[in-house]
N, C-alpha and C. Protein backbone atom coordinates (compact mmCIF):
# COMPACT_ATOMS: atom_id res chain seq x y z
N MET A 1 85.49 134.12 65.82
CA MET A 1 86.16 135.38 65.99
C MET A 1 86.75 135.42 67.40
N THR A 2 87.97 135.86 67.52
CA THR A 2 88.62 135.91 68.83
C THR A 2 88.10 137.09 69.63
N THR A 3 88.32 137.05 70.91
CA THR A 3 87.88 138.14 71.79
C THR A 3 88.53 139.45 71.39
N ARG A 4 89.78 139.41 71.03
CA ARG A 4 90.48 140.63 70.63
C ARG A 4 89.84 141.23 69.37
N ARG A 5 89.54 140.37 68.38
CA ARG A 5 88.91 140.86 67.15
C ARG A 5 87.53 141.45 67.44
N ARG A 6 86.78 140.79 68.32
CA ARG A 6 85.46 141.30 68.67
C ARG A 6 85.58 142.68 69.30
N SER A 7 86.58 142.85 70.15
CA SER A 7 86.78 144.15 70.79
C SER A 7 87.12 145.22 69.76
N VAL A 8 87.96 144.87 68.78
CA VAL A 8 88.35 145.82 67.74
C VAL A 8 87.13 146.18 66.90
N VAL A 9 86.33 145.17 66.51
CA VAL A 9 85.14 145.41 65.70
C VAL A 9 84.17 146.30 66.46
N ALA A 10 83.96 146.01 67.75
CA ALA A 10 83.04 146.81 68.57
C ALA A 10 83.53 148.24 68.66
N ALA A 11 84.82 148.44 68.81
CA ALA A 11 85.39 149.79 68.89
C ALA A 11 85.19 150.53 67.58
N LEU A 12 85.41 149.84 66.46
CA LEU A 12 85.22 150.48 65.15
C LEU A 12 83.77 150.85 64.93
N LEU A 13 82.85 149.96 65.30
CA LEU A 13 81.43 150.26 65.15
C LEU A 13 81.03 151.45 66.02
N ALA A 14 81.54 151.51 67.23
CA ALA A 14 81.24 152.63 68.12
C ALA A 14 81.79 153.92 67.54
N ALA A 15 82.98 153.87 66.98
CA ALA A 15 83.59 155.06 66.38
C ALA A 15 82.78 155.50 65.17
N ALA A 16 82.30 154.57 64.36
CA ALA A 16 81.50 154.90 63.18
C ALA A 16 80.19 155.55 63.60
N ALA A 17 79.59 155.06 64.67
CA ALA A 17 78.34 155.64 65.16
C ALA A 17 78.56 157.06 65.63
N VAL A 18 79.67 157.31 66.29
CA VAL A 18 79.98 158.66 66.77
C VAL A 18 80.22 159.58 65.60
N ILE A 19 80.96 159.12 64.60
CA ILE A 19 81.27 159.94 63.42
C ILE A 19 80.01 160.24 62.64
N ALA A 20 79.16 159.24 62.43
CA ALA A 20 77.93 159.43 61.67
C ALA A 20 76.99 160.34 62.45
N GLY A 21 76.93 160.15 63.74
CA GLY A 21 76.14 160.99 64.61
C GLY A 21 74.66 160.92 64.30
N PRO A 22 73.85 161.60 65.12
CA PRO A 22 72.43 161.62 64.85
C PRO A 22 72.13 162.48 63.62
N GLY A 23 71.05 162.20 62.98
CA GLY A 23 70.63 162.99 61.84
C GLY A 23 71.03 162.40 60.51
N CYS A 24 71.94 161.45 60.46
CA CYS A 24 72.29 160.82 59.19
C CYS A 24 71.14 159.90 58.83
N GLY A 25 70.71 159.94 57.61
CA GLY A 25 69.61 159.08 57.19
C GLY A 25 68.28 159.72 57.47
N GLY A 26 68.20 161.00 57.80
CA GLY A 26 66.96 161.71 57.92
C GLY A 26 66.28 161.60 59.26
N GLY A 27 66.85 161.03 60.26
CA GLY A 27 66.19 160.96 61.56
C GLY A 27 67.21 160.71 62.66
N PRO A 28 66.71 160.61 63.88
CA PRO A 28 67.65 160.34 64.96
C PRO A 28 68.29 158.98 64.78
N ALA A 29 69.53 158.91 65.17
CA ALA A 29 70.28 157.66 65.00
C ALA A 29 69.73 156.60 65.92
N LYS A 30 69.55 155.46 65.36
CA LYS A 30 69.13 154.31 66.15
C LYS A 30 70.13 153.22 65.86
N ALA A 31 70.53 152.58 66.89
CA ALA A 31 71.50 151.49 66.71
C ALA A 31 71.06 150.31 67.53
N ASP A 32 71.25 149.16 66.96
CA ASP A 32 71.00 147.95 67.71
C ASP A 32 72.18 147.74 68.64
N PRO A 33 71.91 147.41 69.88
CA PRO A 33 73.04 147.17 70.77
C PRO A 33 73.86 145.98 70.29
N ILE A 34 75.17 146.14 70.42
CA ILE A 34 76.08 145.06 70.04
C ILE A 34 76.24 144.16 71.25
N LYS A 35 75.98 142.92 71.06
CA LYS A 35 76.11 141.96 72.16
C LYS A 35 77.39 141.18 71.97
N LEU A 36 78.23 141.28 72.96
CA LEU A 36 79.48 140.51 72.95
C LEU A 36 79.33 139.35 73.92
N PRO A 37 79.91 138.24 73.58
CA PRO A 37 79.82 137.12 74.52
C PRO A 37 80.58 137.47 75.80
N PRO A 38 80.15 136.93 76.92
CA PRO A 38 80.87 137.21 78.17
C PRO A 38 82.31 136.73 78.07
N LYS A 39 83.19 137.49 78.75
CA LYS A 39 84.61 137.12 78.74
C LYS A 39 84.80 135.82 79.50
N ALA A 40 85.60 135.00 78.94
CA ALA A 40 85.94 133.77 79.62
C ALA A 40 87.17 134.04 80.48
N HIS A 41 87.09 133.77 81.75
CA HIS A 41 88.22 133.96 82.66
C HIS A 41 88.91 132.63 82.87
N PRO A 42 90.13 132.51 82.36
CA PRO A 42 90.81 131.23 82.57
C PRO A 42 91.12 131.04 84.05
N LYS A 43 91.03 129.80 84.47
CA LYS A 43 91.34 129.48 85.85
C LYS A 43 92.84 129.69 86.07
N PRO A 44 93.19 130.33 87.21
CA PRO A 44 94.62 130.49 87.47
C PRO A 44 95.25 129.12 87.72
N LYS A 45 96.44 128.99 87.18
CA LYS A 45 97.16 127.73 87.38
C LYS A 45 97.71 127.71 88.80
N PRO A 46 97.55 126.59 89.47
CA PRO A 46 98.11 126.53 90.83
C PRO A 46 99.64 126.62 90.76
N LYS A 47 100.18 127.37 91.74
CA LYS A 47 101.64 127.50 91.79
C LYS A 47 102.23 126.18 92.26
N PRO A 48 103.32 125.80 91.64
CA PRO A 48 103.93 124.55 92.10
C PRO A 48 104.46 124.72 93.52
N ARG A 49 104.32 123.70 94.30
CA ARG A 49 104.79 123.72 95.68
C ARG A 49 106.32 123.70 95.68
N PRO A 50 106.96 124.64 96.40
CA PRO A 50 108.42 124.67 96.38
C PRO A 50 109.02 123.41 97.01
N LYS A 51 110.15 123.04 96.49
CA LYS A 51 110.88 121.89 97.02
C LYS A 51 111.53 122.30 98.33
N PRO A 52 111.93 121.34 99.17
CA PRO A 52 112.51 121.69 100.48
C PRO A 52 113.68 122.68 100.38
N LYS A 53 114.56 122.52 99.43
CA LYS A 53 115.70 123.45 99.31
C LYS A 53 115.21 124.84 98.95
N GLN A 54 114.19 124.92 98.10
CA GLN A 54 113.63 126.23 97.73
C GLN A 54 112.95 126.88 98.94
N ARG A 55 112.25 126.05 99.74
CA ARG A 55 111.60 126.60 100.94
C ARG A 55 112.64 127.14 101.90
N ALA A 56 113.74 126.44 102.08
CA ALA A 56 114.80 126.91 102.98
C ALA A 56 115.40 128.21 102.47
N ALA A 57 115.61 128.31 101.17
CA ALA A 57 116.17 129.53 100.59
C ALA A 57 115.19 130.69 100.77
N ARG A 58 113.89 130.42 100.55
CA ARG A 58 112.89 131.47 100.71
C ARG A 58 112.82 131.90 102.17
N ALA A 59 112.90 130.96 103.11
CA ALA A 59 112.87 131.30 104.53
C ALA A 59 114.06 132.18 104.89
N ALA A 60 115.22 131.90 104.30
CA ALA A 60 116.41 132.71 104.57
C ALA A 60 116.20 134.13 104.06
N ASP A 61 115.49 134.30 102.95
CA ASP A 61 115.23 135.62 102.41
C ASP A 61 114.23 136.39 103.27
N ASP A 62 113.39 135.69 104.02
CA ASP A 62 112.35 136.33 104.81
C ASP A 62 112.78 136.64 106.23
N ARG A 63 114.04 136.51 106.55
CA ARG A 63 114.48 136.76 107.92
C ARG A 63 114.33 138.25 108.25
N THR A 64 113.76 138.51 109.40
CA THR A 64 113.59 139.88 109.86
C THR A 64 113.91 139.93 111.35
N PHE A 65 114.04 141.15 111.85
CA PHE A 65 114.20 141.32 113.29
C PHE A 65 113.57 142.64 113.70
N THR A 66 113.29 142.76 115.00
CA THR A 66 112.72 144.00 115.51
C THR A 66 113.81 144.80 116.19
N LEU A 67 113.70 146.12 116.09
CA LEU A 67 114.70 147.04 116.64
C LEU A 67 114.01 148.15 117.41
N VAL A 68 114.52 148.41 118.60
CA VAL A 68 114.15 149.60 119.36
C VAL A 68 115.47 150.33 119.59
N ALA A 69 115.52 151.59 119.17
CA ALA A 69 116.74 152.38 119.32
C ALA A 69 116.43 153.65 120.09
N GLY A 70 117.22 153.89 121.11
CA GLY A 70 117.04 155.09 121.92
C GLY A 70 118.25 155.99 121.78
N GLY A 71 118.21 157.07 122.50
CA GLY A 71 119.29 158.05 122.44
C GLY A 71 120.24 157.93 123.62
N ASP A 72 120.68 159.08 124.09
CA ASP A 72 121.70 159.14 125.14
C ASP A 72 121.21 158.60 126.47
N ILE A 73 122.08 157.80 127.10
CA ILE A 73 121.87 157.31 128.46
C ILE A 73 123.02 157.87 129.26
N ALA A 74 122.76 158.91 130.04
CA ALA A 74 123.80 159.59 130.81
C ALA A 74 123.55 159.35 132.29
N LEU A 75 124.16 158.31 132.82
CA LEU A 75 124.00 157.95 134.23
C LEU A 75 125.14 158.55 135.05
N SER A 76 124.87 158.80 136.31
CA SER A 76 125.94 159.29 137.19
C SER A 76 125.68 158.78 138.60
N GLY A 77 126.70 158.92 139.44
CA GLY A 77 126.57 158.51 140.84
C GLY A 77 126.31 157.03 140.99
N GLU A 78 125.28 156.71 141.78
CA GLU A 78 124.94 155.31 142.02
C GLU A 78 124.42 154.62 140.76
N GLY A 79 124.04 155.40 139.76
CA GLY A 79 123.64 154.83 138.48
C GLY A 79 122.20 154.38 138.41
N ALA A 80 121.97 153.40 137.55
CA ALA A 80 120.61 152.92 137.26
C ALA A 80 120.07 152.08 138.39
N THR A 81 118.78 152.29 138.66
CA THR A 81 118.05 151.47 139.63
C THR A 81 116.80 150.95 138.92
N ALA A 82 116.00 150.19 139.64
CA ALA A 82 114.78 149.64 139.05
C ALA A 82 113.83 150.74 138.57
N SER A 83 113.89 151.92 139.16
CA SER A 83 112.98 152.99 138.77
C SER A 83 113.54 153.88 137.65
N THR A 84 114.81 153.75 137.32
CA THR A 84 115.43 154.63 136.32
C THR A 84 114.70 154.60 134.98
N PHE A 85 114.36 153.42 134.50
CA PHE A 85 113.74 153.28 133.19
C PHE A 85 112.27 152.87 133.28
N ALA A 86 111.66 153.05 134.46
CA ALA A 86 110.27 152.63 134.66
C ALA A 86 109.32 153.25 133.64
N GLY A 87 109.55 154.47 133.27
CA GLY A 87 108.66 155.16 132.34
C GLY A 87 108.74 154.67 130.90
N ILE A 88 109.84 154.02 130.54
CA ILE A 88 110.00 153.56 129.15
C ILE A 88 110.21 152.06 129.02
N GLU A 89 110.29 151.38 130.14
CA GLU A 89 110.61 149.94 130.11
C GLU A 89 109.66 149.14 129.22
N ARG A 90 108.40 149.53 129.15
CA ARG A 90 107.43 148.78 128.33
C ARG A 90 107.76 148.84 126.84
N PHE A 91 108.57 149.81 126.43
CA PHE A 91 108.96 149.94 125.03
C PHE A 91 110.26 149.19 124.70
N LEU A 92 110.95 148.73 125.70
CA LEU A 92 112.28 148.15 125.49
C LEU A 92 112.22 146.64 125.29
N HIS A 93 111.35 146.21 124.39
CA HIS A 93 111.22 144.78 124.08
C HIS A 93 111.32 144.59 122.58
N ALA A 94 112.42 144.03 122.12
CA ALA A 94 112.66 143.77 120.71
C ALA A 94 113.82 142.80 120.61
N ASP A 95 114.10 142.34 119.40
CA ASP A 95 115.26 141.47 119.21
C ASP A 95 116.55 142.22 119.49
N LEU A 96 116.55 143.51 119.17
CA LEU A 96 117.73 144.36 119.36
C LEU A 96 117.26 145.65 120.00
N VAL A 97 117.72 145.92 121.23
CA VAL A 97 117.38 147.17 121.92
C VAL A 97 118.69 147.94 122.11
N PHE A 98 118.77 149.08 121.45
CA PHE A 98 120.01 149.84 121.29
C PHE A 98 119.91 151.18 122.00
N GLY A 99 121.00 151.59 122.65
CA GLY A 99 121.07 152.91 123.28
C GLY A 99 122.48 153.45 123.18
N ASN A 100 122.64 154.73 123.43
CA ASN A 100 123.95 155.38 123.39
C ASN A 100 124.41 155.63 124.82
N GLN A 101 125.41 154.89 125.27
CA GLN A 101 125.93 155.01 126.63
C GLN A 101 126.85 156.22 126.74
N GLU A 102 126.30 157.33 127.20
CA GLU A 102 127.09 158.54 127.43
C GLU A 102 127.78 158.38 128.78
N GLY A 103 129.08 158.46 128.80
CA GLY A 103 129.81 158.36 130.06
C GLY A 103 130.30 156.95 130.33
N THR A 104 130.76 156.76 131.55
CA THR A 104 131.37 155.50 131.92
C THR A 104 130.57 154.79 133.01
N LEU A 105 130.74 153.49 133.06
CA LEU A 105 130.21 152.67 134.14
C LEU A 105 131.44 152.17 134.88
N ALA A 106 131.90 152.96 135.82
CA ALA A 106 133.18 152.67 136.48
C ALA A 106 133.21 153.26 137.88
N SER A 107 134.11 152.74 138.67
CA SER A 107 134.32 153.32 140.01
C SER A 107 135.66 154.04 140.07
N GLY A 108 136.50 153.83 139.08
CA GLY A 108 137.82 154.47 139.08
C GLY A 108 137.95 155.48 137.97
N GLY A 109 139.20 155.91 137.77
CA GLY A 109 139.50 156.86 136.70
C GLY A 109 139.61 158.28 137.22
N THR A 110 140.16 159.12 136.38
CA THR A 110 140.35 160.54 136.72
C THR A 110 139.50 161.38 135.76
N PRO A 111 138.70 162.31 136.30
CA PRO A 111 137.83 163.10 135.43
C PRO A 111 138.64 163.97 134.47
N LYS A 112 138.14 164.15 133.26
CA LYS A 112 138.84 164.96 132.26
C LYS A 112 138.73 166.45 132.56
N CYS A 113 137.78 166.83 133.40
CA CYS A 113 137.67 168.23 133.79
C CYS A 113 137.36 168.32 135.28
N SER A 114 137.95 169.30 135.92
CA SER A 114 137.73 169.47 137.34
C SER A 114 137.86 170.94 137.66
N PRO A 115 137.03 171.52 138.46
CA PRO A 115 135.88 170.89 139.08
C PRO A 115 134.77 170.63 138.06
N TYR A 116 133.83 169.79 138.46
CA TYR A 116 132.73 169.38 137.59
C TYR A 116 131.99 170.61 137.08
N GLY A 117 131.79 170.65 135.78
CA GLY A 117 131.04 171.75 135.17
C GLY A 117 131.86 172.99 134.87
N SER A 118 133.13 172.99 135.22
CA SER A 118 133.94 174.18 134.96
C SER A 118 134.13 174.36 133.46
N ASN A 119 134.01 175.60 133.01
CA ASN A 119 134.15 175.94 131.59
C ASN A 119 133.21 175.11 130.69
N GLY A 120 132.04 174.75 131.22
CA GLY A 120 131.08 173.98 130.43
C GLY A 120 131.47 172.53 130.22
N CYS A 121 132.41 172.03 131.00
CA CYS A 121 132.86 170.64 130.86
C CYS A 121 132.11 169.78 131.88
N PHE A 122 131.44 168.76 131.39
CA PHE A 122 130.69 167.85 132.26
C PHE A 122 131.16 166.43 132.01
N THR A 123 131.19 165.66 133.07
CA THR A 123 131.59 164.26 132.96
C THR A 123 130.51 163.38 133.59
N PHE A 124 130.43 162.15 133.08
CA PHE A 124 129.43 161.21 133.58
C PHE A 124 130.12 159.90 133.97
N ARG A 125 129.89 159.51 135.22
CA ARG A 125 130.40 158.21 135.70
C ARG A 125 129.37 157.64 136.66
N ALA A 126 128.96 156.41 136.38
CA ALA A 126 127.98 155.72 137.23
C ALA A 126 128.56 154.39 137.68
N ASP A 127 128.00 153.88 138.74
CA ASP A 127 128.44 152.60 139.29
C ASP A 127 128.35 151.51 138.21
N PRO A 128 129.35 150.65 138.12
CA PRO A 128 129.34 149.59 137.11
C PRO A 128 128.14 148.64 137.21
N SER A 129 127.52 148.55 138.38
CA SER A 129 126.34 147.68 138.53
C SER A 129 125.17 148.19 137.68
N SER A 130 125.27 149.39 137.18
CA SER A 130 124.23 149.93 136.30
C SER A 130 124.05 149.06 135.06
N ALA A 131 125.12 148.39 134.65
CA ALA A 131 125.04 147.53 133.47
C ALA A 131 124.02 146.42 133.68
N ILE A 132 123.96 145.88 134.88
CA ILE A 132 123.00 144.81 135.18
C ILE A 132 121.58 145.34 135.05
N GLU A 133 121.34 146.55 135.55
CA GLU A 133 120.00 147.15 135.45
C GLU A 133 119.65 147.49 134.00
N LEU A 134 120.63 147.95 133.23
CA LEU A 134 120.39 148.23 131.81
C LEU A 134 119.95 146.95 131.09
N ARG A 135 120.61 145.85 131.39
CA ARG A 135 120.26 144.57 130.75
C ARG A 135 118.91 144.08 131.22
N ARG A 136 118.64 144.18 132.52
CA ARG A 136 117.36 143.73 133.05
C ARG A 136 116.21 144.52 132.44
N THR A 137 116.44 145.77 132.19
CA THR A 137 115.42 146.63 131.60
C THR A 137 115.15 146.27 130.15
N GLY A 138 116.14 145.71 129.45
CA GLY A 138 115.91 145.29 128.07
C GLY A 138 117.00 145.65 127.08
N PHE A 139 117.95 146.50 127.47
CA PHE A 139 119.00 146.89 126.52
C PHE A 139 119.87 145.69 126.17
N THR A 140 120.15 145.53 124.87
CA THR A 140 121.00 144.43 124.42
C THR A 140 122.30 144.93 123.80
N VAL A 141 122.32 146.19 123.31
CA VAL A 141 123.51 146.77 122.69
C VAL A 141 123.63 148.23 123.12
N LEU A 142 124.84 148.64 123.50
CA LEU A 142 125.08 150.05 123.81
C LEU A 142 126.24 150.56 122.96
N ASN A 143 126.07 151.77 122.47
CA ASN A 143 127.10 152.43 121.68
C ASN A 143 128.05 153.15 122.63
N LEU A 144 129.34 153.02 122.39
CA LEU A 144 130.34 153.69 123.23
C LEU A 144 131.09 154.79 122.47
N ALA A 145 130.70 155.07 121.24
CA ALA A 145 131.40 156.09 120.44
C ALA A 145 130.74 157.44 120.65
N ASN A 146 131.18 158.15 121.65
CA ASN A 146 130.63 159.49 121.89
C ASN A 146 131.63 160.32 122.68
N ASN A 147 131.28 161.57 122.88
CA ASN A 147 132.20 162.51 123.52
C ASN A 147 132.39 162.28 125.02
N HIS A 148 131.63 161.38 125.64
CA HIS A 148 131.79 161.12 127.06
C HIS A 148 132.38 159.74 127.35
N ALA A 149 132.76 159.00 126.33
CA ALA A 149 133.29 157.64 126.52
C ALA A 149 134.56 157.64 127.37
N LEU A 150 135.34 158.68 127.27
CA LEU A 150 136.61 158.74 128.02
C LEU A 150 136.57 159.82 129.10
N ASP A 151 135.40 160.10 129.65
CA ASP A 151 135.26 161.13 130.69
C ASP A 151 136.20 160.90 131.87
N TYR A 152 136.47 159.64 132.19
CA TYR A 152 137.34 159.32 133.32
C TYR A 152 138.56 158.51 132.88
N GLY A 153 138.94 158.69 131.63
CA GLY A 153 140.16 158.07 131.14
C GLY A 153 139.96 156.66 130.62
N GLU A 154 141.08 156.12 130.12
CA GLU A 154 141.07 154.78 129.50
C GLU A 154 140.74 153.68 130.50
N SER A 155 141.22 153.79 131.73
CA SER A 155 140.94 152.72 132.71
C SER A 155 139.44 152.63 133.00
N ALA A 156 138.75 153.76 133.10
CA ALA A 156 137.30 153.75 133.33
C ALA A 156 136.57 153.24 132.08
N HIS A 157 137.12 153.55 130.93
CA HIS A 157 136.53 153.05 129.68
C HIS A 157 136.60 151.52 129.65
N GLN A 158 137.73 150.97 130.03
CA GLN A 158 137.90 149.52 130.07
C GLN A 158 136.98 148.90 131.14
N GLU A 159 136.80 149.60 132.24
CA GLU A 159 135.90 149.11 133.29
C GLU A 159 134.44 149.09 132.77
N THR A 160 134.09 150.06 131.95
CA THR A 160 132.76 150.11 131.33
C THR A 160 132.55 148.90 130.43
N ILE A 161 133.55 148.62 129.61
CA ILE A 161 133.47 147.47 128.70
C ILE A 161 133.31 146.18 129.49
N HIS A 162 134.08 146.04 130.56
CA HIS A 162 134.00 144.84 131.39
C HIS A 162 132.61 144.72 132.03
N ALA A 163 132.06 145.83 132.51
CA ALA A 163 130.73 145.81 133.14
C ALA A 163 129.66 145.38 132.12
N LEU A 164 129.76 145.90 130.90
CA LEU A 164 128.79 145.53 129.86
C LEU A 164 128.91 144.04 129.51
N GLU A 165 130.14 143.57 129.33
CA GLU A 165 130.35 142.15 129.01
C GLU A 165 129.81 141.26 130.12
N SER A 166 130.06 141.64 131.37
CA SER A 166 129.59 140.84 132.52
C SER A 166 128.08 140.78 132.59
N ALA A 167 127.43 141.85 132.15
CA ALA A 167 125.96 141.91 132.19
C ALA A 167 125.33 141.29 130.94
N GLY A 168 126.13 140.90 129.95
CA GLY A 168 125.59 140.31 128.73
C GLY A 168 125.08 141.35 127.74
N ILE A 169 125.66 142.54 127.77
CA ILE A 169 125.28 143.59 126.84
C ILE A 169 126.39 143.74 125.81
N ALA A 170 126.01 143.66 124.54
CA ALA A 170 126.98 143.88 123.47
C ALA A 170 127.24 145.39 123.36
N TYR A 171 128.33 145.76 122.74
CA TYR A 171 128.66 147.18 122.58
C TYR A 171 129.31 147.39 121.23
N ASP A 172 129.23 148.61 120.77
CA ASP A 172 129.88 148.99 119.52
C ASP A 172 130.50 150.36 119.70
N GLY A 173 131.25 150.79 118.69
CA GLY A 173 131.79 152.14 118.71
C GLY A 173 133.26 152.27 119.04
N LEU A 174 133.95 151.15 119.23
CA LEU A 174 135.39 151.24 119.46
C LEU A 174 136.09 151.48 118.12
N PRO A 175 137.22 152.16 118.12
CA PRO A 175 137.92 152.42 116.85
C PRO A 175 138.18 151.12 116.08
N GLY A 176 137.74 151.09 114.83
CA GLY A 176 137.95 149.94 113.96
C GLY A 176 137.05 148.75 114.24
N GLN A 177 136.17 148.87 115.20
CA GLN A 177 135.32 147.74 115.60
C GLN A 177 134.10 147.59 114.69
N ILE A 178 133.80 146.36 114.33
CA ILE A 178 132.52 146.00 113.72
C ILE A 178 131.93 144.96 114.66
N ALA A 179 130.89 145.35 115.37
CA ALA A 179 130.27 144.45 116.33
C ALA A 179 129.23 143.60 115.62
N LEU A 180 129.30 142.29 115.78
CA LEU A 180 128.31 141.36 115.22
C LEU A 180 127.43 140.87 116.36
N VAL A 181 126.14 141.06 116.22
CA VAL A 181 125.20 140.63 117.25
C VAL A 181 124.05 139.85 116.60
N ARG A 182 123.45 138.96 117.38
CA ARG A 182 122.28 138.22 116.93
C ARG A 182 121.04 139.01 117.30
N ALA A 183 120.14 139.13 116.34
CA ALA A 183 118.85 139.76 116.57
C ALA A 183 117.81 138.79 116.03
N GLY A 184 117.23 138.00 116.89
CA GLY A 184 116.34 136.94 116.43
C GLY A 184 117.15 135.91 115.67
N THR A 185 116.80 135.69 114.40
CA THR A 185 117.52 134.72 113.58
C THR A 185 118.53 135.40 112.66
N VAL A 186 118.71 136.70 112.84
CA VAL A 186 119.56 137.47 111.94
C VAL A 186 120.83 137.91 112.65
N LYS A 187 121.94 137.86 111.93
CA LYS A 187 123.19 138.39 112.45
C LYS A 187 123.31 139.82 111.92
N VAL A 188 123.49 140.78 112.83
CA VAL A 188 123.53 142.20 112.47
C VAL A 188 124.93 142.75 112.76
N ALA A 189 125.45 143.52 111.82
CA ALA A 189 126.75 144.17 111.99
C ALA A 189 126.51 145.62 112.38
N LEU A 190 127.14 146.04 113.48
CA LEU A 190 127.06 147.42 113.93
C LEU A 190 128.42 148.06 113.72
N ILE A 191 128.42 149.14 112.95
CA ILE A 191 129.69 149.77 112.59
C ILE A 191 129.79 151.12 113.27
């Protein structure tokens, strides 16, 4: 008898005992326990070892990267120094460390509002050397698509881009731009 049949027979016998209940036959119901043989557990079949091409394909599927993303970085004046990010520097370690660069890293340009703060208009411009400190701290990508990107005009915006490129920081956010960056073993597109 197969294990499945034994299970069905045992279930039927149990159901019959419940239906008959105690008191049938003039006394309390007594039943001999049904002994089923122990279940046989088949040994799991070993998985075949993947071939080299399969291993390479599986490794490609397992690619991951780490990301740390922050918010607005609004520098002004002399800009970033070694102490600027001291409180958060320990968190800025990943394959991709992303921030939003509010304002420009430039020494030139004309402010979009003058005097500063008039009618609620604020502009941000920091020394271009800030890019070096941003990179040293851990930033690898900065977003330039925000309301302060052109605070000091197109020339300051171009100076910002040059400062980031010189410091080895990728950037995204230009009109129509899709920035491709490496994050560990993965190529990431920033739109």
